[in-house]
Amino acid sequence: GGLVQAGGSLRLSCTASGSIFSANAIVWYRQPPGNQRD
């Protein structure tokens, strides 16, 4: 993550101590300030 101007790009990474692919799906969620995680 980081600070970027509108129109810019970022690449997020998710790593894990165990096998992340032991699950039947992996989801990216986000939680804006003052809002629920979606």
PDB file of all heavy atoms in Angstrom:
ATOM      1  N   GLY A   1       0.810  -1.199   0.000  1.00  0.00           N
ATOM      2  CA  GLY A   1       0.000   0.000   0.000  1.00  0.00           C
ATOM      3  C   GLY A   1       0.851   1.259   0.000  1.00  0.00           C
ATOM      4  O   GLY A   1       2.078   1.208   0.066  1.00  0.00           O
ATOM      5  N   GLY A   2       0.181   2.394  -0.071  1.00  0.00           N
ATOM      6  CA  GLY A   2       0.885   3.660  -0.055  1.00  0.00           C
ATOM      7  C   GLY A   2      -0.017   4.800  -0.459  1.00  0.00           C
ATOM      8  O   GLY A   2      -1.240   4.641  -0.558  1.00  0.00           O
ATOM      9  N   LEU A   3       0.607   5.927  -0.671  1.00  0.00           N
ATOM     10  CA  LEU A   3      -0.098   7.135  -1.097  1.00  0.00           C
ATOM     11  C   LEU A   3       0.131   7.313  -2.594  1.00  0.00           C
ATOM     12  O   LEU A   3       1.282   7.298  -3.058  1.00  0.00           O
ATOM     13  CB  LEU A   3       0.426   8.344  -0.329  1.00  0.00           C
ATOM     14  CG  LEU A   3      -0.085   9.723  -0.774  1.00  0.00           C
ATOM     15  CD1 LEU A   3      -1.589   9.819  -0.573  1.00  0.00           C
ATOM     16  CD2 LEU A   3       0.641  10.820  -0.013  1.00  0.00           C
ATOM     17  N   VAL A   4      -0.949   7.472  -3.329  1.00  0.00           N
ATOM     18  CA  VAL A   4      -0.862   7.604  -4.783  1.00  0.00           C
ATOM     19  C   VAL A   4      -1.889   8.609  -5.250  1.00  0.00           C
ATOM     20  O   VAL A   4      -2.942   8.784  -4.618  1.00  0.00           O
ATOM     21  CB  VAL A   4      -1.067   6.230  -5.460  1.00  0.00           C
ATOM     22  CG1 VAL A   4      -2.465   5.695  -5.192  1.00  0.00           C
ATOM     23  CG2 VAL A   4      -0.754   6.267  -6.928  1.00  0.00           C
ATOM     24  N   GLN A   5      -1.583   9.280  -6.336  1.00  0.00           N
ATOM     25  CA  GLN A   5      -2.541  10.213  -6.905  1.00  0.00           C
ATOM     26  C   GLN A   5      -3.605   9.466  -7.698  1.00  0.00           C
ATOM     27  O   GLN A   5      -3.376   8.351  -8.190  1.00  0.00           O
ATOM     28  CB  GLN A   5      -1.821  11.202  -7.818  1.00  0.00           C
ATOM     29  CG  GLN A   5      -0.969  12.218  -7.080  1.00  0.00           C
ATOM     30  CD  GLN A   5      -0.412  13.281  -8.008  1.00  0.00           C
ATOM     31  OE1 GLN A   5      -0.194  13.033  -9.196  1.00  0.00           O
ATOM     32  NE2 GLN A   5      -0.185  14.470  -7.471  1.00  0.00           N
ATOM     33  N   ALA A   6      -4.738  10.082  -7.830  1.00  0.00           N
ATOM     34  CA  ALA A   6      -5.813   9.505  -8.643  1.00  0.00           C
ATOM     35  C   ALA A   6      -5.283   9.209 -10.045  1.00  0.00           C
ATOM     36  O   ALA A   6      -4.548  10.008 -10.625  1.00  0.00           O
ATOM     37  CB  ALA A   6      -6.996  10.453  -8.709  1.00  0.00           C
ATOM     38  N   GLY A   7      -5.661   8.036 -10.542  1.00  0.00           N
ATOM     39  CA  GLY A   7      -5.173   7.586 -11.842  1.00  0.00           C
ATOM     40  C   GLY A   7      -3.947   6.708 -11.759  1.00  0.00           C
ATOM     41  O   GLY A   7      -3.556   6.095 -12.755  1.00  0.00           O
ATOM     42  N   GLY A   8      -3.333   6.657 -10.597  1.00  0.00           N
ATOM     43  CA  GLY A   8      -2.130   5.864 -10.418  1.00  0.00           C
ATOM     44  C   GLY A   8      -2.415   4.398 -10.163  1.00  0.00           C
ATOM     45  O   GLY A   8      -3.576   3.955 -10.193  1.00  0.00           O
ATOM     46  N   SER A   9      -1.356   3.646  -9.913  1.00  0.00           N
ATOM     47  CA  SER A   9      -1.458   2.204  -9.734  1.00  0.00           C
ATOM     48  C   SER A   9      -0.673   1.760  -8.506  1.00  0.00           C
ATOM     49  O   SER A   9       0.308   2.395  -8.120  1.00  0.00           O
ATOM     50  CB  SER A   9      -0.901   1.473 -10.956  1.00  0.00           C
ATOM     51  OG  SER A   9      -1.623   1.774 -12.126  1.00  0.00           O
ATOM     52  N   LEU A  10      -1.111   0.667  -7.937  1.00  0.00           N
ATOM     53  CA  LEU A  10      -0.409  -0.014  -6.862  1.00  0.00           C
ATOM     54  C   LEU A  10      -0.613  -1.513  -7.038  1.00  0.00           C
ATOM     55  O   LEU A  10      -1.632  -1.939  -7.591  1.00  0.00           O
ATOM     56  CB  LEU A  10      -0.935   0.398  -5.490  1.00  0.00           C
ATOM     57  CG  LEU A  10      -0.578   1.784  -4.962  1.00  0.00           C
ATOM     58  CD1 LEU A  10      -1.380   2.062  -3.685  1.00  0.00           C
ATOM     59  CD2 LEU A  10       0.910   1.900  -4.695  1.00  0.00           C
ATOM     60  N   ARG A  11       0.330  -2.280  -6.543  1.00  0.00           N
ATOM     61  CA  ARG A  11       0.158  -3.732  -6.487  1.00  0.00           C
ATOM     62  C   ARG A  11       0.313  -4.188  -5.048  1.00  0.00           C
ATOM     63  O   ARG A  11       1.368  -4.022  -4.441  1.00  0.00           O
ATOM     64  CB  ARG A  11       1.152  -4.470  -7.377  1.00  0.00           C
ATOM     65  CG  ARG A  11       0.807  -5.959  -7.487  1.00  0.00           C
ATOM     66  CD  ARG A  11       1.732  -6.730  -8.397  1.00  0.00           C
ATOM     67  NE  ARG A  11       2.957  -7.123  -7.724  1.00  0.00           N
ATOM     68  CZ  ARG A  11       3.659  -8.221  -8.016  1.00  0.00           C
ATOM     69  NH1 ARG A  11       3.240  -9.025  -8.979  1.00  0.00           N
ATOM     70  NH2 ARG A  11       4.788  -8.504  -7.393  1.00  0.00           N
ATOM     71  N   LEU A  12      -0.743  -4.755  -4.524  1.00  0.00           N
ATOM     72  CA  LEU A  12      -0.738  -5.283  -3.166  1.00  0.00           C
ATOM     73  C   LEU A  12      -0.337  -6.745  -3.187  1.00  0.00           C
ATOM     74  O   LEU A  12      -0.668  -7.478  -4.113  1.00  0.00           O
ATOM     75  CB  LEU A  12      -2.110  -5.133  -2.522  1.00  0.00           C
ATOM     76  CG  LEU A  12      -2.722  -3.735  -2.540  1.00  0.00           C
ATOM     77  CD1 LEU A  12      -4.047  -3.752  -1.778  1.00  0.00           C
ATOM     78  CD2 LEU A  12      -1.777  -2.711  -1.976  1.00  0.00           C
ATOM     79  N   SER A  13       0.350  -7.145  -2.121  1.00  0.00           N
ATOM     80  CA  SER A  13       0.771  -8.536  -1.966  1.00  0.00           C
ATOM     81  C   SER A  13       0.204  -9.112  -0.688  1.00  0.00           C
ATOM     82  O   SER A  13       0.089  -8.406   0.326  1.00  0.00           O
ATOM     83  CB  SER A  13       2.293  -8.639  -1.929  1.00  0.00           C
ATOM     84  OG  SER A  13       2.871  -8.177  -3.125  1.00  0.00           O
ATOM     85  N   CYS A  14      -0.099 -10.373  -0.743  1.00  0.00           N
ATOM     86  CA  CYS A  14      -0.598 -11.108   0.426  1.00  0.00           C
ATOM     87  C   CYS A  14       0.216 -12.386   0.520  1.00  0.00           C
ATOM     88  O   CYS A  14       0.208 -13.207  -0.402  1.00  0.00           O
ATOM     89  CB  CYS A  14      -2.069 -11.415   0.251  1.00  0.00           C
ATOM     90  SG  CYS A  14      -2.750 -12.566   1.462  1.00  0.00           S
ATOM     91  N   THR A  15       0.919 -12.531   1.618  1.00  0.00           N
ATOM     92  CA  THR A  15       1.665 -13.759   1.867  1.00  0.00           C
ATOM     93  C   THR A  15       1.224 -14.331   3.200  1.00  0.00           C
ATOM     94  O   THR A  15       0.563 -13.658   3.998  1.00  0.00           O
ATOM     95  CB  THR A  15       3.179 -13.498   1.882  1.00  0.00           C
ATOM     96  OG1 THR A  15       3.474 -12.526   2.889  1.00  0.00           O
ATOM     97  CG2 THR A  15       3.661 -12.995   0.542  1.00  0.00           C
ATOM     98  N   ALA A  16       1.617 -15.580   3.428  1.00  0.00           N
ATOM     99  CA  ALA A  16       1.144 -16.260   4.634  1.00  0.00           C
ATOM    100  C   ALA A  16       2.205 -17.207   5.166  1.00  0.00           C
ATOM    101  O   ALA A  16       3.059 -17.690   4.427  1.00  0.00           O
ATOM    102  CB  ALA A  16      -0.139 -17.020   4.329  1.00  0.00           C
ATOM    103  N   SER A  17       2.090 -17.474   6.468  1.00  0.00           N
ATOM    104  CA  SER A  17       3.026 -18.398   7.100  1.00  0.00           C
ATOM    105  C   SER A  17       2.735 -19.828   6.707  1.00  0.00           C
ATOM    106  O   SER A  17       3.656 -20.647   6.620  1.00  0.00           O
ATOM    107  CB  SER A  17       2.953 -18.243   8.620  1.00  0.00           C
ATOM    108  OG  SER A  17       1.630 -18.495   9.053  1.00  0.00           O
ATOM    109  N   GLY A  18       1.475 -20.146   6.519  1.00  0.00           N
ATOM    110  CA  GLY A  18       1.097 -21.468   6.043  1.00  0.00           C
ATOM    111  C   GLY A  18       0.675 -21.388   4.594  1.00  0.00           C
ATOM    112  O   GLY A  18       0.783 -20.342   3.964  1.00  0.00           O
ATOM    113  N   SER A  19       0.200 -22.507   4.065  1.00  0.00           N
ATOM    114  CA  SER A  19      -0.221 -22.507   2.670  1.00  0.00           C
ATOM    115  C   SER A  19      -1.480 -21.675   2.489  1.00  0.00           C
ATOM    116  O   SER A  19      -2.549 -22.025   2.977  1.00  0.00           O
ATOM    117  CB  SER A  19      -0.476 -23.928   2.180  1.00  0.00           C
ATOM    118  OG  SER A  19      -1.028 -23.893   0.879  1.00  0.00           O
ATOM    119  N   ILE A  20      -1.306 -20.575   1.762  1.00  0.00           N
ATOM    120  CA  ILE A  20      -2.444 -19.689   1.540  1.00  0.00           C
ATOM    121  C   ILE A  20      -3.467 -20.363   0.648  1.00  0.00           C
ATOM    122  O   ILE A  20      -4.641 -19.990   0.632  1.00  0.00           O
ATOM    123  CB  ILE A  20      -1.956 -18.351   0.951  1.00  0.00           C
ATOM    124  CG1 ILE A  20      -2.996 -17.260   1.173  1.00  0.00           C
ATOM    125  CG2 ILE A  20      -1.619 -18.497  -0.529  1.00  0.00           C
ATOM    126  CD1 ILE A  20      -2.479 -15.884   0.849  1.00  0.00           C
ATOM    127  N   PHE A  21      -3.034 -21.374  -0.086  1.00  0.00           N
ATOM    128  CA  PHE A  21      -3.918 -22.019  -1.039  1.00  0.00           C
ATOM    129  C   PHE A  21      -4.595 -23.258  -0.461  1.00  0.00           C
ATOM    130  O   PHE A  21      -5.181 -24.044  -1.189  1.00  0.00           O
ATOM    131  CB  PHE A  21      -3.138 -22.340  -2.307  1.00  0.00           C
ATOM    132  CG  PHE A  21      -2.527 -21.105  -2.932  1.00  0.00           C
ATOM    133  CD1 PHE A  21      -1.156 -20.984  -3.064  1.00  0.00           C
ATOM    134  CD2 PHE A  21      -3.328 -20.061  -3.355  1.00  0.00           C
ATOM    135  CE1 PHE A  21      -0.599 -19.841  -3.613  1.00  0.00           C
ATOM    136  CE2 PHE A  21      -2.784 -18.916  -3.912  1.00  0.00           C
ATOM    137  CZ  PHE A  21      -1.414 -18.803  -4.046  1.00  0.00           C
ATOM    138  N   SER A  22      -4.514 -23.399   0.849  1.00  0.00           N
ATOM    139  CA  SER A  22      -5.273 -24.470   1.501  1.00  0.00           C
ATOM    140  C   SER A  22      -6.760 -24.137   1.525  1.00  0.00           C
ATOM    141  O   SER A  22      -7.582 -25.027   1.731  1.00  0.00           O
ATOM    142  CB  SER A  22      -4.763 -24.692   2.924  1.00  0.00           C
ATOM    143  OG  SER A  22      -4.957 -23.524   3.707  1.00  0.00           O
ATOM    144  N   ALA A  23      -7.068 -22.859   1.310  1.00  0.00           N
ATOM    145  CA  ALA A  23      -8.469 -22.443   1.273  1.00  0.00           C
ATOM    146  C   ALA A  23      -9.032 -22.623  -0.140  1.00  0.00           C
ATOM    147  O   ALA A  23      -8.287 -22.682  -1.112  1.00  0.00           O
ATOM    148  CB  ALA A  23      -8.591 -20.983   1.687  1.00  0.00           C
ATOM    149  N   ASN A  24     -10.354 -22.706  -0.234  1.00  0.00           N
ATOM    150  CA  ASN A  24     -10.956 -22.868  -1.557  1.00  0.00           C
ATOM    151  C   ASN A  24     -11.061 -21.550  -2.308  1.00  0.00           C
ATOM    152  O   ASN A  24     -11.375 -21.522  -3.505  1.00  0.00           O
ATOM    153  CB  ASN A  24     -12.329 -23.532  -1.460  1.00  0.00           C
ATOM    154  CG  ASN A  24     -13.284 -22.748  -0.586  1.00  0.00           C
ATOM    155  OD1 ASN A  24     -12.962 -21.659  -0.127  1.00  0.00           O
ATOM    156  ND2 ASN A  24     -14.451 -23.316  -0.346  1.00  0.00           N
ATOM    157  N   ALA A  25     -10.746 -20.466  -1.611  1.00  0.00           N
ATOM    158  CA  ALA A  25     -10.742 -19.156  -2.262  1.00  0.00           C
ATOM    159  C   ALA A  25      -9.935 -18.189  -1.405  1.00  0.00           C
ATOM    160  O   ALA A  25      -9.832 -18.355  -0.187  1.00  0.00           O
ATOM    161  CB  ALA A  25     -12.160 -18.624  -2.441  1.00  0.00           C
ATOM    162  N   ILE A  26      -9.369 -17.196  -2.037  1.00  0.00           N
ATOM    163  CA  ILE A  26      -8.703 -16.098  -1.337  1.00  0.00           C
ATOM    164  C   ILE A  26      -9.388 -14.811  -1.773  1.00  0.00           C
ATOM    165  O   ILE A  26      -9.708 -14.625  -2.949  1.00  0.00           O
ATOM    166  CB  ILE A  26      -7.199 -16.030  -1.680  1.00  0.00           C
ATOM    167  CG1 ILE A  26      -6.501 -17.281  -1.157  1.00  0.00           C
ATOM    168  CG2 ILE A  26      -6.568 -14.785  -1.056  1.00  0.00           C
ATOM    169  CD1 ILE A  26      -6.540 -17.436   0.352  1.00  0.00           C
ATOM    170  N   VAL A  27      -9.623 -13.964  -0.796  1.00  0.00           N
ATOM    171  CA  VAL A  27     -10.393 -12.741  -1.009  1.00  0.00           C
ATOM    172  C   VAL A  27      -9.579 -11.537  -0.581  1.00  0.00           C
ATOM    173  O   VAL A  27      -8.926 -11.571   0.464  1.00  0.00           O
ATOM    174  CB  VAL A  27     -11.702 -12.790  -0.204  1.00  0.00           C
ATOM    175  CG1 VAL A  27     -12.546 -11.543  -0.485  1.00  0.00           C
ATOM    176  CG2 VAL A  27     -12.494 -14.058  -0.511  1.00  0.00           C
ATOM    177  N   TRP A  28      -9.623 -10.506  -1.376  1.00  0.00           N
ATOM    178  CA  TRP A  28      -9.154  -9.187  -0.936  1.00  0.00           C
ATOM    179  C   TRP A  28     -10.374  -8.418  -0.448  1.00  0.00           C
ATOM    180  O   TRP A  28     -11.397  -8.331  -1.151  1.00  0.00           O
ATOM    181  CB  TRP A  28      -8.475  -8.426  -2.064  1.00  0.00           C
ATOM    182  CG  TRP A  28      -7.048  -8.804  -2.284  1.00  0.00           C
ATOM    183  CD1 TRP A  28      -6.549  -9.642  -3.246  1.00  0.00           C
ATOM    184  CD2 TRP A  28      -5.921  -8.359  -1.523  1.00  0.00           C
ATOM    185  NE1 TRP A  28      -5.190  -9.747  -3.124  1.00  0.00           N
ATOM    186  CE2 TRP A  28      -4.769  -8.966  -2.073  1.00  0.00           C
ATOM    187  CE3 TRP A  28      -5.760  -7.506  -0.429  1.00  0.00           C
ATOM    188  CZ2 TRP A  28      -3.481  -8.757  -1.575  1.00  0.00           C
ATOM    189  CZ3 TRP A  28      -4.477  -7.294   0.068  1.00  0.00           C
ATOM    190  CH2 TRP A  28      -3.361  -7.919  -0.505  1.00  0.00           C
ATOM    191  N   TYR A  29     -10.240  -7.882   0.754  1.00  0.00           N
ATOM    192  CA  TYR A  29     -11.260  -7.040   1.360  1.00  0.00           C
ATOM    193  C   TYR A  29     -10.679  -5.644   1.534  1.00  0.00           C
ATOM    194  O   TYR A  29      -9.474  -5.454   1.562  1.00  0.00           O
ATOM    195  CB  TYR A  29     -11.639  -7.567   2.750  1.00  0.00           C
ATOM    196  CG  TYR A  29     -12.150  -8.976   2.801  1.00  0.00           C
ATOM    197  CD1 TYR A  29     -11.268 -10.059   2.885  1.00  0.00           C
ATOM    198  CD2 TYR A  29     -13.511  -9.254   2.816  1.00  0.00           C
ATOM    199  CE1 TYR A  29     -11.735 -11.371   2.962  1.00  0.00           C
ATOM    200  CE2 TYR A  29     -13.986 -10.562   2.895  1.00  0.00           C
ATOM    201  CZ  TYR A  29     -13.085 -11.613   2.966  1.00  0.00           C
ATOM    202  OH  TYR A  29     -13.542 -12.908   3.040  1.00  0.00           O
ATOM    203  N   ARG A  30     -11.559  -4.683   1.721  1.00  0.00           N
ATOM    204  CA  ARG A  30     -11.100  -3.348   2.079  1.00  0.00           C
ATOM    205  C   ARG A  30     -12.068  -2.715   3.056  1.00  0.00           C
ATOM    206  O   ARG A  30     -13.266  -3.005   3.042  1.00  0.00           O
ATOM    207  CB  ARG A  30     -10.900  -2.460   0.863  1.00  0.00           C
ATOM    208  CG  ARG A  30     -12.168  -2.031   0.140  1.00  0.00           C
ATOM    209  CD  ARG A  30     -11.798  -1.227  -1.107  1.00  0.00           C
ATOM    210  NE  ARG A  30     -12.971  -0.768  -1.843  1.00  0.00           N
ATOM    211  CZ  ARG A  30     -12.911  -0.157  -3.024  1.00  0.00           C
ATOM    212  NH1 ARG A  30     -11.724   0.079  -3.593  1.00  0.00           N
ATOM    213  NH2 ARG A  30     -14.019   0.232  -3.627  1.00  0.00           N
ATOM    214  N   GLN A  31     -11.506  -1.852   3.895  1.00  0.00           N
ATOM    215  CA  GLN A  31     -12.301  -1.160   4.901  1.00  0.00           C
ATOM    216  C   GLN A  31     -11.980   0.323   4.841  1.00  0.00           C
ATOM    217  O   GLN A  31     -10.939   0.763   5.352  1.00  0.00           O
ATOM    218  CB  GLN A  31     -12.022  -1.715   6.293  1.00  0.00           C
ATOM    219  CG  GLN A  31     -12.916  -1.145   7.363  1.00  0.00           C
ATOM    220  CD  GLN A  31     -12.849  -1.933   8.655  1.00  0.00           C
ATOM    221  OE1 GLN A  31     -11.918  -2.705   8.883  1.00  0.00           O
ATOM    222  NE2 GLN A  31     -13.842  -1.742   9.504  1.00  0.00           N
ATOM    223  N   PRO A  32     -12.869   1.110   4.233  1.00  0.00           N
ATOM    224  CA  PRO A  32     -12.659   2.564   4.205  1.00  0.00           C
ATOM    225  C   PRO A  32     -12.833   3.145   5.600  1.00  0.00           C
ATOM    226  O   PRO A  32     -13.475   2.513   6.468  1.00  0.00           O
ATOM    227  CB  PRO A  32     -13.758   3.061   3.264  1.00  0.00           C
ATOM    228  CG  PRO A  32     -14.231   1.852   2.525  1.00  0.00           C
ATOM    229  CD  PRO A  32     -14.037   0.708   3.459  1.00  0.00           C
ATOM    230  N   PRO A  33     -12.332   4.329   5.849  1.00  0.00           N
ATOM    231  CA  PRO A  33     -12.476   4.938   7.180  1.00  0.00           C
ATOM    232  C   PRO A  33     -13.938   5.034   7.588  1.00  0.00           C
ATOM    233  O   PRO A  33     -14.776   5.531   6.826  1.00  0.00           O
ATOM    234  CB  PRO A  33     -11.856   6.324   6.988  1.00  0.00           C
ATOM    235  CG  PRO A  33     -10.959   6.191   5.807  1.00  0.00           C
ATOM    236  CD  PRO A  33     -11.578   5.167   4.918  1.00  0.00           C
ATOM    237  N   GLY A  34     -14.255   4.519   8.766  1.00  0.00           N
ATOM    238  CA  GLY A  34     -15.604   4.621   9.299  1.00  0.00           C
ATOM    239  C   GLY A  34     -16.618   3.709   8.652  1.00  0.00           C
ATOM    240  O   GLY A  34     -17.827   3.846   8.894  1.00  0.00           O
ATOM    241  N   ASN A  35     -16.154   2.782   7.842  1.00  0.00           N
ATOM    242  CA  ASN A  35     -17.080   1.891   7.139  1.00  0.00           C
ATOM    243  C   ASN A  35     -16.757   0.426   7.414  1.00  0.00           C
ATOM    244  O   ASN A  35     -15.728   0.099   7.997  1.00  0.00           O
ATOM    245  CB  ASN A  35     -17.037   2.154   5.633  1.00  0.00           C
ATOM    246  CG  ASN A  35     -17.732   3.436   5.257  1.00  0.00           C
ATOM    247  OD1 ASN A  35     -18.942   3.504   5.135  1.00  0.00           O
ATOM    248  ND2 ASN A  35     -16.946   4.482   5.075  1.00  0.00           N
ATOM    249  N   GLN A  36     -17.638  -0.441   6.980  1.00  0.00           N
ATOM    250  CA  GLN A  36     -17.430  -1.862   7.193  1.00  0.00           C
ATOM    251  C   GLN A  36     -16.433  -2.409   6.182  1.00  0.00           C
ATOM    252  O   GLN A  36     -16.132  -1.767   5.180  1.00  0.00           O
ATOM    253  CB  GLN A  36     -18.761  -2.606   7.075  1.00  0.00           C
ATOM    254  CG  GLN A  36     -19.353  -2.557   5.662  1.00  0.00           C
ATOM    255  CD  GLN A  36     -20.704  -3.263   5.590  1.00  0.00           C
ATOM    256  OE1 GLN A  36     -21.359  -3.492   6.584  1.00  0.00           O
ATOM    257  NE2 GLN A  36     -21.103  -3.619   4.381  1.00  0.00           N
ATOM    258  N   ARG A  37     -15.964  -3.607   6.473  1.00  0.00           N
ATOM    259  CA  ARG A  37     -15.048  -4.298   5.579  1.00  0.00           C
ATOM    260  C   ARG A  37     -15.858  -4.988   4.485  1.00  0.00           C
ATOM    261  O   ARG A  37     -16.803  -5.723   4.771  1.00  0.00           O
ATOM    262  CB  ARG A  37     -14.259  -5.322   6.385  1.00  0.00           C
ATOM    263  CG  ARG A  37     -13.052  -5.907   5.695  1.00  0.00           C
ATOM    264  CD  ARG A  37     -12.258  -6.743   6.694  1.00  0.00           C
ATOM    265  NE  ARG A  37     -11.736  -5.925   7.777  1.00  0.00           N
ATOM    266  CZ  ARG A  37     -11.106  -6.423   8.828  1.00  0.00           C
ATOM    267  NH1 ARG A  37     -10.922  -7.731   8.928  1.00  0.00           N
ATOM    268  NH2 ARG A  37     -10.648  -5.628   9.783  1.00  0.00           N
ATOM    269  N   ASP A  38     -15.482  -4.756   3.237  1.00  0.00           N
ATOM    270  CA  ASP A  38     -16.224  -5.302   2.105  1.00  0.00           C
ATOM    271  C   ASP A  38     -15.314  -6.098   1.184  1.00  0.00           C
ATOM    272  O   ASP A  38     -14.103  -5.872   1.143  1.00  0.00           O
ATOM    273  CB  ASP A  38     -16.874  -4.171   1.287  1.00  0.00           C
ATOM    274  CG  ASP A  38     -18.022  -3.515   2.020  1.00  0.00           C
ATOM    275  OD1 ASP A  38     -18.729  -4.213   2.768  1.00  0.00           O
ATOM    276  OD2 ASP A  38     -18.207  -2.294   1.845  1.00  0.00           O
TER     277      ASP A  38
END
